[in-house]
Amino acid sequence: MSDLLAEALARTDLTDDARHKLGNVERVLGDDPQAHLLSLFFLDGEPYASIGFGDVTTADLIVVVLHGIDTDLGQLPPWAETSQRLCGDVIRAITLRGGTASVAVVLWFGYDTGSHVTALATAHATIGAARLAVELERLAQHDTAARIALVAYSYSSTLLGELVVLDGAGHVSEAFSIASAGMTHMAADAVESRIADGSLALHATESATDGVAHLGRFGQHPIDPRDIDGAIVYSSDGGAVDGLDGVTGEATQGHSSQSETDDDGVTRRGYFDPEAQAYLYLVDRLAALAVRPRT
């Protein structure tokens, strides 16, 4: 167990909720010898953390995974499982391409995501973007040769836009906007400029059955990243995976990140389901980025 976590667990002022969340961090770290606690801090008694799967100091590719609203360390385990799987799947995809590259995935629980009400505004996304910029700078300093990619789901794609506006995405060469809650006009213009000058590739997707993502775009961040000039739009609705001959994926059903099974035993496939078209595309594009020759 890291010194940071040990010190946090030793605090006498922890609420039961905070201790439960730190317990989730402890279990994730204990279950995976390649998992490392990269940061841990408290704000108003609430713990925030980022966890790296793989060695972020030597990786050729660092993938930073961002979650949406109403999510905190209480929901860490399924997101950790997704991040671990993503790391392994990208490494396998690199091997199938005949390449060699090391990969690390950073699961970033470093901001207060807010609720469905606050998601209509940008305050939580802007504060989160400022914090993420610091984390990205730290990652880049530890591994100056690494490529960095961001995987932004739901409201965190709003954060992605704010990150670019704040000039905090300079180390990011590729980004994925999944089921976006939207970006501000200023953020969309900033992202478009990065795309135009060739310093950023933006991939964007949303399922046709997603009835939630567009609701966020009724607020202060109305721009769908799929409508940004130069964005690479890919499908989440099932079918052939762009760039992978003969490979098809399943449709995402609804807005969920992970797959969910209801009380009737019916499973709704999430965006990060291992058989989802959107996930298979994500894995392939990350593998391609990892082995792409540098210019």
C-alpha atoms as a PDB file:
ATOM      1  CA  MET A   1       0.000   0.000   0.000  1.00  0.00           C
ATOM      2  CA  SER A   2       1.305   3.435  -0.914  1.00  0.00           C
ATOM      3  CA  ASP A   3       2.329   5.932   1.755  1.00  0.00           C
ATOM      4  CA  LEU A   4      -0.332   8.337   0.473  1.00  0.00           C
ATOM      5  CA  LEU A   5      -3.102   5.810   0.981  1.00  0.00           C
ATOM      6  CA  ALA A   6      -1.775   4.634   4.346  1.00  0.00           C
ATOM      7  CA  GLU A   7      -1.710   8.214   5.600  1.00  0.00           C
ATOM      8  CA  ALA A   8      -5.242   8.805   4.322  1.00  0.00           C
ATOM      9  CA  LEU A   9      -6.613   5.669   5.968  1.00  0.00           C
ATOM     10  CA  ALA A  10      -4.948   6.669   9.255  1.00  0.00           C
ATOM     11  CA  ARG A  11      -6.900   9.923   9.436  1.00  0.00           C
ATOM     12  CA  THR A  12      -9.261  10.114  12.391  1.00  0.00           C
ATOM     13  CA  ASP A  13     -11.671  12.542  10.742  1.00  0.00           C
ATOM     14  CA  LEU A  14     -12.777  10.247   7.901  1.00  0.00           C
ATOM     15  CA  THR A  15     -16.487   9.779   7.371  1.00  0.00           C
ATOM     16  CA  ASP A  16     -17.762   6.240   6.771  1.00  0.00           C
ATOM     17  CA  ASP A  17     -18.375   7.184   3.148  1.00  0.00           C
ATOM     18  CA  ALA A  18     -14.829   8.457   2.643  1.00  0.00           C
ATOM     19  CA  ARG A  19     -13.381   5.352   4.323  1.00  0.00           C
ATOM     20  CA  HIS A  20     -15.462   3.141   2.021  1.00  0.00           C
ATOM     21  CA  LYS A  21     -14.134   4.998  -1.019  1.00  0.00           C
ATOM     22  CA  LEU A  22     -10.550   4.688   0.164  1.00  0.00           C
ATOM     23  CA  GLY A  23     -11.250   0.999   0.718  1.00  0.00           C
ATOM     24  CA  ASN A  24     -12.132   0.750  -2.967  1.00  0.00           C
ATOM     25  CA  VAL A  25      -8.781   2.303  -3.838  1.00  0.00           C
ATOM     26  CA  GLU A  26      -7.016  -0.120  -1.493  1.00  0.00           C
ATOM     27  CA  ARG A  27      -8.741  -3.143  -3.078  1.00  0.00           C
ATOM     28  CA  VAL A  28      -7.979  -2.043  -6.639  1.00  0.00           C
ATOM     29  CA  LEU A  29      -4.311  -1.537  -5.803  1.00  0.00           C
ATOM     30  CA  GLY A  30      -4.145  -4.831  -3.932  1.00  0.00           C
ATOM     31  CA  ASP A  31      -5.754  -6.829  -6.743  1.00  0.00           C
ATOM     32  CA  ASP A  32      -3.347  -5.661  -9.464  1.00  0.00           C
ATOM     33  CA  PRO A  33       0.426  -5.613  -8.889  1.00  0.00           C
ATOM     34  CA  GLN A  34       0.779  -3.276 -11.876  1.00  0.00           C
ATOM     35  CA  ALA A  35      -1.602  -0.702 -10.394  1.00  0.00           C
ATOM     36  CA  HIS A  36      -0.029   2.382  -8.813  1.00  0.00           C
ATOM     37  CA  LEU A  37      -1.574   5.268  -6.897  1.00  0.00           C
ATOM     38  CA  LEU A  38      -0.495   8.397  -8.761  1.00  0.00           C
ATOM     39  CA  SER A  39      -2.315  11.003  -6.708  1.00  0.00           C
ATOM     40  CA  LEU A  40      -4.639  11.230  -3.721  1.00  0.00           C
ATOM     41  CA  PHE A  41      -6.076  14.346  -2.094  1.00  0.00           C
ATOM     42  CA  PHE A  42      -9.089  15.567  -0.129  1.00  0.00           C
ATOM     43  CA  LEU A  43     -11.426  18.494  -0.665  1.00  0.00           C
ATOM     44  CA  ASP A  44     -14.113  19.159   1.937  1.00  0.00           C
ATOM     45  CA  GLY A  45     -13.546  15.655   3.286  1.00  0.00           C
ATOM     46  CA  GLU A  46     -14.086  13.995  -0.101  1.00  0.00           C
ATOM     47  CA  PRO A  47     -11.200  11.874  -1.462  1.00  0.00           C
ATOM     48  CA  TYR A  48     -10.035  12.111  -5.081  1.00  0.00           C
ATOM     49  CA  ALA A  49      -7.442   9.897  -6.724  1.00  0.00           C
ATOM     50  CA  SER A  50      -5.803   8.765  -9.936  1.00  0.00           C
ATOM     51  CA  ILE A  51      -4.541   5.238 -10.503  1.00  0.00           C
ATOM     52  CA  GLY A  52      -2.100   4.070 -13.141  1.00  0.00           C
ATOM     53  CA  PHE A  53      -2.218   0.587 -14.666  1.00  0.00           C
ATOM     54  CA  GLY A  54       1.217  -0.089 -16.111  1.00  0.00           C
ATOM     55  CA  ASP A  55       4.348   2.022 -15.789  1.00  0.00           C
ATOM     56  CA  VAL A  56       3.553   5.645 -16.623  1.00  0.00           C
ATOM     57  CA  THR A  57       7.246   6.570 -16.393  1.00  0.00           C
ATOM     58  CA  THR A  58       8.329   4.346 -19.315  1.00  0.00           C
ATOM     59  CA  ALA A  59       5.208   3.806 -21.454  1.00  0.00           C
ATOM     60  CA  ASP A  60       5.182   4.647 -25.152  1.00  0.00           C
ATOM     61  CA  LEU A  61       1.471   5.434 -24.863  1.00  0.00           C
ATOM     62  CA  ILE A  62      -0.404   6.782 -21.834  1.00  0.00           C
ATOM     63  CA  VAL A  63      -4.198   6.622 -22.046  1.00  0.00           C
ATOM     64  CA  VAL A  64      -6.119   8.780 -19.570  1.00  0.00           C
ATOM     65  CA  VAL A  65      -9.686   7.605 -18.900  1.00  0.00           C
ATOM     66  CA  LEU A  66     -12.269  10.144 -17.684  1.00  0.00           C
ATOM     67  CA  HIS A  67     -15.735   9.394 -16.275  1.00  0.00           C
ATOM     68  CA  GLY A  68     -19.018  11.311 -16.292  1.00  0.00           C
ATOM     69  CA  ILE A  69     -21.317  12.901 -13.697  1.00  0.00           C
ATOM     70  CA  ASP A  70     -22.560  11.380 -10.431  1.00  0.00           C
ATOM     71  CA  THR A  71     -19.387   9.294 -10.292  1.00  0.00           C
ATOM     72  CA  ASP A  72     -16.782   9.211  -7.538  1.00  0.00           C
ATOM     73  CA  LEU A  73     -14.513   6.686  -5.855  1.00  0.00           C
ATOM     74  CA  GLY A  74     -17.619   4.842  -4.708  1.00  0.00           C
ATOM     75  CA  GLN A  75     -17.925   3.610  -8.306  1.00  0.00           C
ATOM     76  CA  LEU A  76     -14.202   2.936  -8.746  1.00  0.00           C
ATOM     77  CA  PRO A  77     -14.226  -0.884  -9.136  1.00  0.00           C
ATOM     78  CA  PRO A  78     -16.083  -1.164 -12.486  1.00  0.00           C
ATOM     79  CA  TRP A  79     -14.096   1.722 -13.938  1.00  0.00           C
ATOM     80  CA  ALA A  80     -10.868   0.111 -12.741  1.00  0.00           C
ATOM     81  CA  GLU A  81     -11.885  -3.154 -14.408  1.00  0.00           C
ATOM     82  CA  THR A  82     -12.580  -1.279 -17.642  1.00  0.00           C
ATOM     83  CA  SER A  83      -9.216   0.507 -17.499  1.00  0.00           C
ATOM     84  CA  GLN A  84      -7.314  -2.716 -16.790  1.00  0.00           C
ATOM     85  CA  ARG A  85      -9.054  -4.439 -19.691  1.00  0.00           C
ATOM     86  CA  LEU A  86      -8.415  -1.501 -21.999  1.00  0.00           C
ATOM     87  CA  CYS A  87      -4.699  -1.611 -21.192  1.00  0.00           C
ATOM     88  CA  GLY A  88      -4.473  -5.331 -21.951  1.00  0.00           C
ATOM     89  CA  ASP A  89      -6.584  -5.109 -25.095  1.00  0.00           C
ATOM     90  CA  VAL A  90      -4.487  -2.286 -26.545  1.00  0.00           C
ATOM     91  CA  ILE A  91      -1.300  -4.244 -25.885  1.00  0.00           C
ATOM     92  CA  ARG A  92      -2.790  -7.278 -27.665  1.00  0.00           C
ATOM     93  CA  ALA A  93      -3.892  -5.115 -30.584  1.00  0.00           C
ATOM     94  CA  ILE A  94      -0.363  -3.731 -30.886  1.00  0.00           C
ATOM     95  CA  THR A  95       1.011  -7.268 -31.014  1.00  0.00           C
ATOM     96  CA  LEU A  96      -1.498  -8.266 -33.707  1.00  0.00           C
ATOM     97  CA  ARG A  97      -0.273  -5.315 -35.739  1.00  0.00           C
ATOM     98  CA  GLY A  98       3.238  -6.739 -35.472  1.00  0.00           C
ATOM     99  CA  GLY A  99       4.402  -3.793 -33.419  1.00  0.00           C
ATOM    100  CA  THR A 100       6.009  -3.361 -30.040  1.00  0.00           C
ATOM    101  CA  ALA A 101       5.013  -0.583 -27.672  1.00  0.00           C
ATOM    102  CA  SER A 102       4.383  -0.318 -23.956  1.00  0.00           C
ATOM    103  CA  VAL A 103       1.077   1.023 -22.673  1.00  0.00           C
ATOM    104  CA  ALA A 104      -0.166   2.514 -19.416  1.00  0.00           C
ATOM    105  CA  VAL A 105      -3.729   3.544 -18.597  1.00  0.00           C
ATOM    106  CA  VAL A 106      -4.470   6.244 -16.028  1.00  0.00           C
ATOM    107  CA  LEU A 107      -7.909   6.207 -14.432  1.00  0.00           C
ATOM    108  CA  TRP A 108      -8.481   9.784 -13.306  1.00  0.00           C
ATOM    109  CA  PHE A 109     -10.951  10.409 -10.482  1.00  0.00           C
ATOM    110  CA  GLY A 110      -9.603  13.878  -9.845  1.00  0.00           C
ATOM    111  CA  TYR A 111     -12.640  16.159  -9.913  1.00  0.00           C
ATOM    112  CA  ASP A 112     -16.139  16.661  -8.551  1.00  0.00           C
ATOM    113  CA  THR A 113     -18.337  15.725 -11.492  1.00  0.00           C
ATOM    114  CA  GLY A 114     -21.477  17.293 -10.094  1.00  0.00           C
ATOM    115  CA  SER A 115     -25.048  16.164 -10.762  1.00  0.00           C
ATOM    116  CA  HIS A 116     -27.569  16.203 -13.613  1.00  0.00           C
ATOM    117  CA  VAL A 117     -28.450  19.758 -12.571  1.00  0.00           C
ATOM    118  CA  THR A 118     -24.920  21.169 -12.479  1.00  0.00           C
ATOM    119  CA  ALA A 119     -24.025  19.267 -15.670  1.00  0.00           C
ATOM    120  CA  LEU A 120     -25.856  21.938 -17.660  1.00  0.00           C
ATOM    121  CA  ALA A 121     -23.140  24.408 -16.634  1.00  0.00           C
ATOM    122  CA  THR A 122     -19.381  24.334 -17.108  1.00  0.00           C
ATOM    123  CA  ALA A 123     -18.088  25.084 -13.593  1.00  0.00           C
ATOM    124  CA  HIS A 124     -17.286  21.490 -12.636  1.00  0.00           C
ATOM    125  CA  ALA A 125     -15.734  20.813 -16.036  1.00  0.00           C
ATOM    126  CA  THR A 126     -13.560  23.933 -15.887  1.00  0.00           C
ATOM    127  CA  ILE A 127     -12.260  23.175 -12.392  1.00  0.00           C
ATOM    128  CA  GLY A 128     -11.657  19.579 -13.425  1.00  0.00           C
ATOM    129  CA  ALA A 129      -9.798  20.710 -16.531  1.00  0.00           C
ATOM    130  CA  ALA A 130      -7.465  22.876 -14.458  1.00  0.00           C
ATOM    131  CA  ARG A 131      -6.652  19.924 -12.209  1.00  0.00           C
ATOM    132  CA  LEU A 132      -6.225  17.538 -15.121  1.00  0.00           C
ATOM    133  CA  ALA A 133      -3.801  19.953 -16.796  1.00  0.00           C
ATOM    134  CA  VAL A 134      -1.535  19.619 -13.746  1.00  0.00           C
ATOM    135  CA  GLU A 135      -1.768  15.821 -13.875  1.00  0.00           C
ATOM    136  CA  LEU A 136      -0.956  15.759 -17.593  1.00  0.00           C
ATOM    137  CA  GLU A 137       2.055  17.993 -17.068  1.00  0.00           C
ATOM    138  CA  ARG A 138       3.288  15.660 -14.344  1.00  0.00           C
ATOM    139  CA  LEU A 139       2.837  12.616 -16.604  1.00  0.00           C
ATOM    140  CA  ALA A 140       4.694  14.335 -19.442  1.00  0.00           C
ATOM    141  CA  GLN A 141       7.590  15.239 -17.168  1.00  0.00           C
ATOM    142  CA  HIS A 142       7.878  11.658 -15.911  1.00  0.00           C
ATOM    143  CA  ASP A 143       7.830  10.241 -19.455  1.00  0.00           C
ATOM    144  CA  THR A 144       8.877  12.840 -22.007  1.00  0.00           C
ATOM    145  CA  ALA A 145       8.723  10.369 -24.911  1.00  0.00           C
ATOM    146  CA  ALA A 146       5.181   9.126 -24.314  1.00  0.00           C
ATOM    147  CA  ARG A 147       2.206   9.905 -26.479  1.00  0.00           C
ATOM    148  CA  ILE A 148      -0.852  10.834 -24.406  1.00  0.00           C
ATOM    149  CA  ALA A 149      -4.453  10.098 -25.382  1.00  0.00           C
ATOM    150  CA  LEU A 150      -7.631  11.125 -23.540  1.00  0.00           C
ATOM    151  CA  VAL A 151     -10.770   9.002 -23.441  1.00  0.00           C
ATOM    152  CA  ALA A 152     -13.600  11.304 -22.353  1.00  0.00           C
ATOM    153  CA  TYR A 153     -17.051   9.909 -21.580  1.00  0.00           C
ATOM    154  CA  SER A 154     -20.222  11.978 -21.195  1.00  0.00           C
ATOM    155  CA  TYR A 155     -19.635  15.168 -19.129  1.00  0.00           C
ATOM    156  CA  SER A 156     -15.876  14.659 -19.173  1.00  0.00           C
ATOM    157  CA  SER A 157     -15.952  15.521 -22.883  1.00  0.00           C
ATOM    158  CA  THR A 158     -17.112  18.953 -21.712  1.00  0.00           C
ATOM    159  CA  LEU A 159     -14.025  18.909 -19.491  1.00  0.00           C
ATOM    160  CA  LEU A 160     -11.948  18.001 -22.547  1.00  0.00           C
ATOM    161  CA  GLY A 161     -13.139  21.135 -24.301  1.00  0.00           C
ATOM    162  CA  GLU A 162     -12.327  23.286 -21.277  1.00  0.00           C
ATOM    163  CA  LEU A 163      -8.899  21.655 -21.085  1.00  0.00           C
ATOM    164  CA  VAL A 164      -8.116  22.791 -24.620  1.00  0.00           C
ATOM    165  CA  VAL A 165      -9.389  26.314 -23.898  1.00  0.00           C
ATOM    166  CA  LEU A 166      -7.151  26.505 -20.829  1.00  0.00           C
ATOM    167  CA  ASP A 167      -4.196  25.407 -22.976  1.00  0.00           C
ATOM    168  CA  GLY A 168      -3.791  22.346 -20.775  1.00  0.00           C
ATOM    169  CA  ALA A 169      -4.006  19.755 -23.546  1.00  0.00           C
ATOM    170  CA  GLY A 170      -0.690  20.509 -25.199  1.00  0.00           C
ATOM    171  CA  HIS A 171       0.669  17.045 -24.403  1.00  0.00           C
ATOM    172  CA  VAL A 172      -2.453  15.306 -25.776  1.00  0.00           C
ATOM    173  CA  SER A 173      -2.166  14.145 -29.380  1.00  0.00           C
ATOM    174  CA  GLU A 174      -5.399  12.134 -29.651  1.00  0.00           C
ATOM    175  CA  ALA A 175      -8.757  12.370 -27.877  1.00  0.00           C
ATOM    176  CA  PHE A 176     -11.992  10.382 -27.899  1.00  0.00           C
ATOM    177  CA  SER A 177     -15.318  12.023 -27.123  1.00  0.00           C
ATOM    178  CA  ILE A 178     -17.879   9.366 -26.187  1.00  0.00           C
ATOM    179  CA  ALA A 179     -21.554  10.248 -25.650  1.00  0.00           C
ATOM    180  CA  SER A 180     -20.716  13.901 -25.136  1.00  0.00           C
ATOM    181  CA  ALA A 181     -22.622  16.321 -22.933  1.00  0.00           C
ATOM    182  CA  GLY A 182     -21.322  18.972 -25.338  1.00  0.00           C
ATOM    183  CA  MET A 183     -18.718  21.716 -25.480  1.00  0.00           C
ATOM    184  CA  THR A 184     -18.973  25.478 -25.312  1.00  0.00           C
ATOM    185  CA  HIS A 185     -18.634  27.485 -28.528  1.00  0.00           C
ATOM    186  CA  MET A 186     -15.231  28.720 -27.351  1.00  0.00           C
ATOM    187  CA  ALA A 187     -14.061  25.191 -26.576  1.00  0.00           C
ATOM    188  CA  ALA A 188     -15.283  23.834 -29.900  1.00  0.00           C
ATOM    189  CA  ASP A 189     -13.418  26.622 -31.726  1.00  0.00           C
ATOM    190  CA  ALA A 190     -10.251  25.856 -29.754  1.00  0.00           C
ATOM    191  CA  VAL A 191     -10.513  22.138 -30.520  1.00  0.00           C
ATOM    192  CA  GLU A 192     -11.143  22.884 -34.189  1.00  0.00           C
ATOM    193  CA  SER A 193      -7.987  24.999 -34.294  1.00  0.00           C
ATOM    194  CA  ARG A 194      -5.947  22.173 -32.787  1.00  0.00           C
ATOM    195  CA  ILE A 195      -7.361  19.762 -35.353  1.00  0.00           C
ATOM    196  CA  ALA A 196      -6.630  22.187 -38.191  1.00  0.00           C
ATOM    197  CA  ASP A 197      -2.991  22.636 -37.218  1.00  0.00           C
ATOM    198  CA  GLY A 198      -2.527  18.870 -36.979  1.00  0.00           C
ATOM    199  CA  SER A 199      -1.650  18.775 -33.273  1.00  0.00           C
ATOM    200  CA  LEU A 200      -4.802  16.936 -32.167  1.00  0.00           C
ATOM    201  CA  ALA A 201      -6.961  14.167 -33.597  1.00  0.00           C
ATOM    202  CA  LEU A 202     -10.495  14.074 -32.174  1.00  0.00           C
ATOM    203  CA  HIS A 203     -12.667  10.973 -32.501  1.00  0.00           C
ATOM    204  CA  ALA A 204     -16.337  11.314 -31.545  1.00  0.00           C
ATOM    205  CA  THR A 205     -19.237   8.903 -31.198  1.00  0.00           C
ATOM    206  CA  GLU A 206     -22.730   8.610 -29.766  1.00  0.00           C
ATOM    207  CA  SER A 207     -25.260   5.804 -29.925  1.00  0.00           C
ATOM    208  CA  ALA A 208     -28.524   6.407 -31.754  1.00  0.00           C
ATOM    209  CA  THR A 209     -30.306   4.946 -28.707  1.00  0.00           C
ATOM    210  CA  ASP A 210     -28.559   7.276 -26.251  1.00  0.00           C
ATOM    211  CA  GLY A 211     -31.323   9.419 -24.823  1.00  0.00           C
ATOM    212  CA  VAL A 212     -29.172  11.159 -22.229  1.00  0.00           C
ATOM    213  CA  ALA A 213     -26.077  12.675 -23.854  1.00  0.00           C
ATOM    214  CA  HIS A 214     -27.956  15.310 -25.853  1.00  0.00           C
ATOM    215  CA  LEU A 215     -29.701  16.589 -22.716  1.00  0.00           C
ATOM    216  CA  GLY A 216     -26.405  18.044 -21.508  1.00  0.00           C
ATOM    217  CA  ARG A 217     -26.194  20.038 -24.724  1.00  0.00           C
ATOM    218  CA  PHE A 218     -29.285  22.040 -23.758  1.00  0.00           C
ATOM    219  CA  GLY A 219     -27.151  23.945 -21.255  1.00  0.00           C
ATOM    220  CA  GLN A 220     -24.075  26.149 -21.538  1.00  0.00           C
ATOM    221  CA  HIS A 221     -22.151  23.699 -23.740  1.00  0.00           C
ATOM    222  CA  PRO A 222     -24.404  23.054 -26.760  1.00  0.00           C
ATOM    223  CA  ILE A 223     -21.849  21.929 -29.357  1.00  0.00           C
ATOM    224  CA  ASP A 224     -21.819  18.243 -30.242  1.00  0.00           C
ATOM    225  CA  PRO A 225     -18.154  17.287 -30.821  1.00  0.00           C
ATOM    226  CA  ARG A 226     -19.289  15.240 -33.817  1.00  0.00           C
ATOM    227  CA  ASP A 227     -20.147  18.559 -35.476  1.00  0.00           C
ATOM    228  CA  ILE A 228     -16.672  20.055 -35.011  1.00  0.00           C
ATOM    229  CA  ASP A 229     -14.953  20.521 -38.343  1.00  0.00           C
ATOM    230  CA  GLY A 230     -12.303  17.849 -38.757  1.00  0.00           C
ATOM    231  CA  ALA A 231     -13.608  15.490 -36.065  1.00  0.00           C
ATOM    232  CA  ILE A 232     -13.429  11.796 -36.950  1.00  0.00           C
ATOM    233  CA  VAL A 233     -16.931  10.463 -36.318  1.00  0.00           C
ATOM    234  CA  TYR A 234     -17.314   6.744 -35.679  1.00  0.00           C
ATOM    235  CA  SER A 235     -20.311   4.520 -34.995  1.00  0.00           C
ATOM    236  CA  SER A 236     -21.633   3.025 -31.775  1.00  0.00           C
ATOM    237  CA  ASP A 237     -24.667   1.439 -33.429  1.00  0.00           C
ATOM    238  CA  GLY A 238     -23.193  -1.944 -34.331  1.00  0.00           C
ATOM    239  CA  GLY A 239     -21.530  -3.191 -37.498  1.00  0.00           C
ATOM    240  CA  ALA A 240     -18.136  -3.103 -39.144  1.00  0.00           C
ATOM    241  CA  VAL A 241     -15.364  -1.461 -37.154  1.00  0.00           C
ATOM    242  CA  ASP A 242     -13.606   1.257 -39.156  1.00  0.00           C
ATOM    243  CA  GLY A 243     -10.011   0.257 -39.860  1.00  0.00           C
ATOM    244  CA  LEU A 244     -10.496  -3.414 -38.971  1.00  0.00           C
ATOM    245  CA  ASP A 245     -11.285  -5.612 -41.987  1.00  0.00           C
ATOM    246  CA  GLY A 246     -13.822  -8.297 -41.201  1.00  0.00           C
ATOM    247  CA  VAL A 247     -14.374  -7.206 -37.614  1.00  0.00           C
ATOM    248  CA  THR A 248     -17.847  -6.240 -36.456  1.00  0.00           C
ATOM    249  CA  GLY A 249     -19.013  -4.960 -33.109  1.00  0.00           C
ATOM    250  CA  GLU A 250     -22.263  -4.811 -31.207  1.00  0.00           C
ATOM    251  CA  ALA A 251     -24.450  -1.761 -30.753  1.00  0.00           C
ATOM    252  CA  THR A 252     -24.360   0.334 -27.585  1.00  0.00           C
ATOM    253  CA  GLN A 253     -27.795   0.531 -26.007  1.00  0.00           C
ATOM    254  CA  GLY A 254     -28.456   3.728 -24.117  1.00  0.00           C
ATOM    255  CA  HIS A 255     -25.960   5.959 -22.332  1.00  0.00           C
ATOM    256  CA  SER A 256     -24.187   3.628 -19.893  1.00  0.00           C
ATOM    257  CA  SER A 257     -20.419   3.284 -19.902  1.00  0.00           C
ATOM    258  CA  GLN A 258     -20.424  -0.332 -18.722  1.00  0.00           C
ATOM    259  CA  SER A 259     -23.008  -2.980 -19.593  1.00  0.00           C
ATOM    260  CA  GLU A 260     -25.918  -3.349 -17.184  1.00  0.00           C
ATOM    261  CA  THR A 261     -28.388  -6.166 -16.550  1.00  0.00           C
ATOM    262  CA  ASP A 262     -31.844  -5.233 -15.284  1.00  0.00           C
ATOM    263  CA  ASP A 263     -34.102  -7.159 -12.914  1.00  0.00           C
ATOM    264  CA  ASP A 264     -35.589  -9.080 -15.845  1.00  0.00           C
ATOM    265  CA  GLY A 265     -32.189 -10.363 -16.902  1.00  0.00           C
ATOM    266  CA  VAL A 266     -31.980  -8.113 -19.944  1.00  0.00           C
ATOM    267  CA  THR A 267     -28.463  -6.763 -20.591  1.00  0.00           C
ATOM    268  CA  ARG A 268     -27.930  -3.347 -22.138  1.00  0.00           C
ATOM    269  CA  ARG A 269     -24.518  -3.013 -23.731  1.00  0.00           C
ATOM    270  CA  GLY A 270     -22.435  -0.012 -22.627  1.00  0.00           C
ATOM    271  CA  TYR A 271     -19.913   1.984 -24.642  1.00  0.00           C
ATOM    272  CA  PHE A 272     -16.975   0.155 -23.003  1.00  0.00           C
ATOM    273  CA  ASP A 273     -18.397  -3.351 -23.352  1.00  0.00           C
ATOM    274  CA  PRO A 274     -15.621  -5.564 -24.817  1.00  0.00           C
ATOM    275  CA  GLU A 275     -17.841  -6.525 -27.762  1.00  0.00           C
ATOM    276  CA  ALA A 276     -19.192  -3.036 -28.472  1.00  0.00           C
ATOM    277  CA  GLN A 277     -18.342  -1.499 -31.831  1.00  0.00           C
ATOM    278  CA  ALA A 278     -17.298   1.741 -30.120  1.00  0.00           C
ATOM    279  CA  TYR A 279     -14.913  -0.078 -27.775  1.00  0.00           C
ATOM    280  CA  LEU A 280     -13.306  -2.149 -30.537  1.00  0.00           C
ATOM    281  CA  TYR A 281     -12.710   1.038 -32.528  1.00  0.00           C
ATOM    282  CA  LEU A 282     -11.183   2.725 -29.478  1.00  0.00           C
ATOM    283  CA  VAL A 283      -8.774  -0.164 -28.895  1.00  0.00           C
ATOM    284  CA  ASP A 284      -7.691  -0.265 -32.530  1.00  0.00           C
ATOM    285  CA  ARG A 285      -7.089   3.483 -32.777  1.00  0.00           C
ATOM    286  CA  LEU A 286      -5.080   3.531 -29.554  1.00  0.00           C
ATOM    287  CA  ALA A 287      -2.944   0.659 -30.829  1.00  0.00           C
ATOM    288  CA  ALA A 288      -2.388   2.509 -34.096  1.00  0.00           C
ATOM    289  CA  LEU A 289      -1.326   5.629 -32.180  1.00  0.00           C
ATOM    290  CA  ALA A 290       1.120   3.613 -30.064  1.00  0.00           C
ATOM    291  CA  VAL A 291       2.974   2.187 -33.073  1.00  0.00           C
ATOM    292  CA  ARG A 292       2.716   5.194 -35.395  1.00  0.00           C
ATOM    293  CA  PRO A 293       6.165   6.450 -36.492  1.00  0.00           C
ATOM    294  CA  ARG A 294       7.035   9.826 -35.029  1.00  0.00           C
ATOM    295  CA  THR A 295       7.605  12.726 -37.385  1.00  0.00           C
END
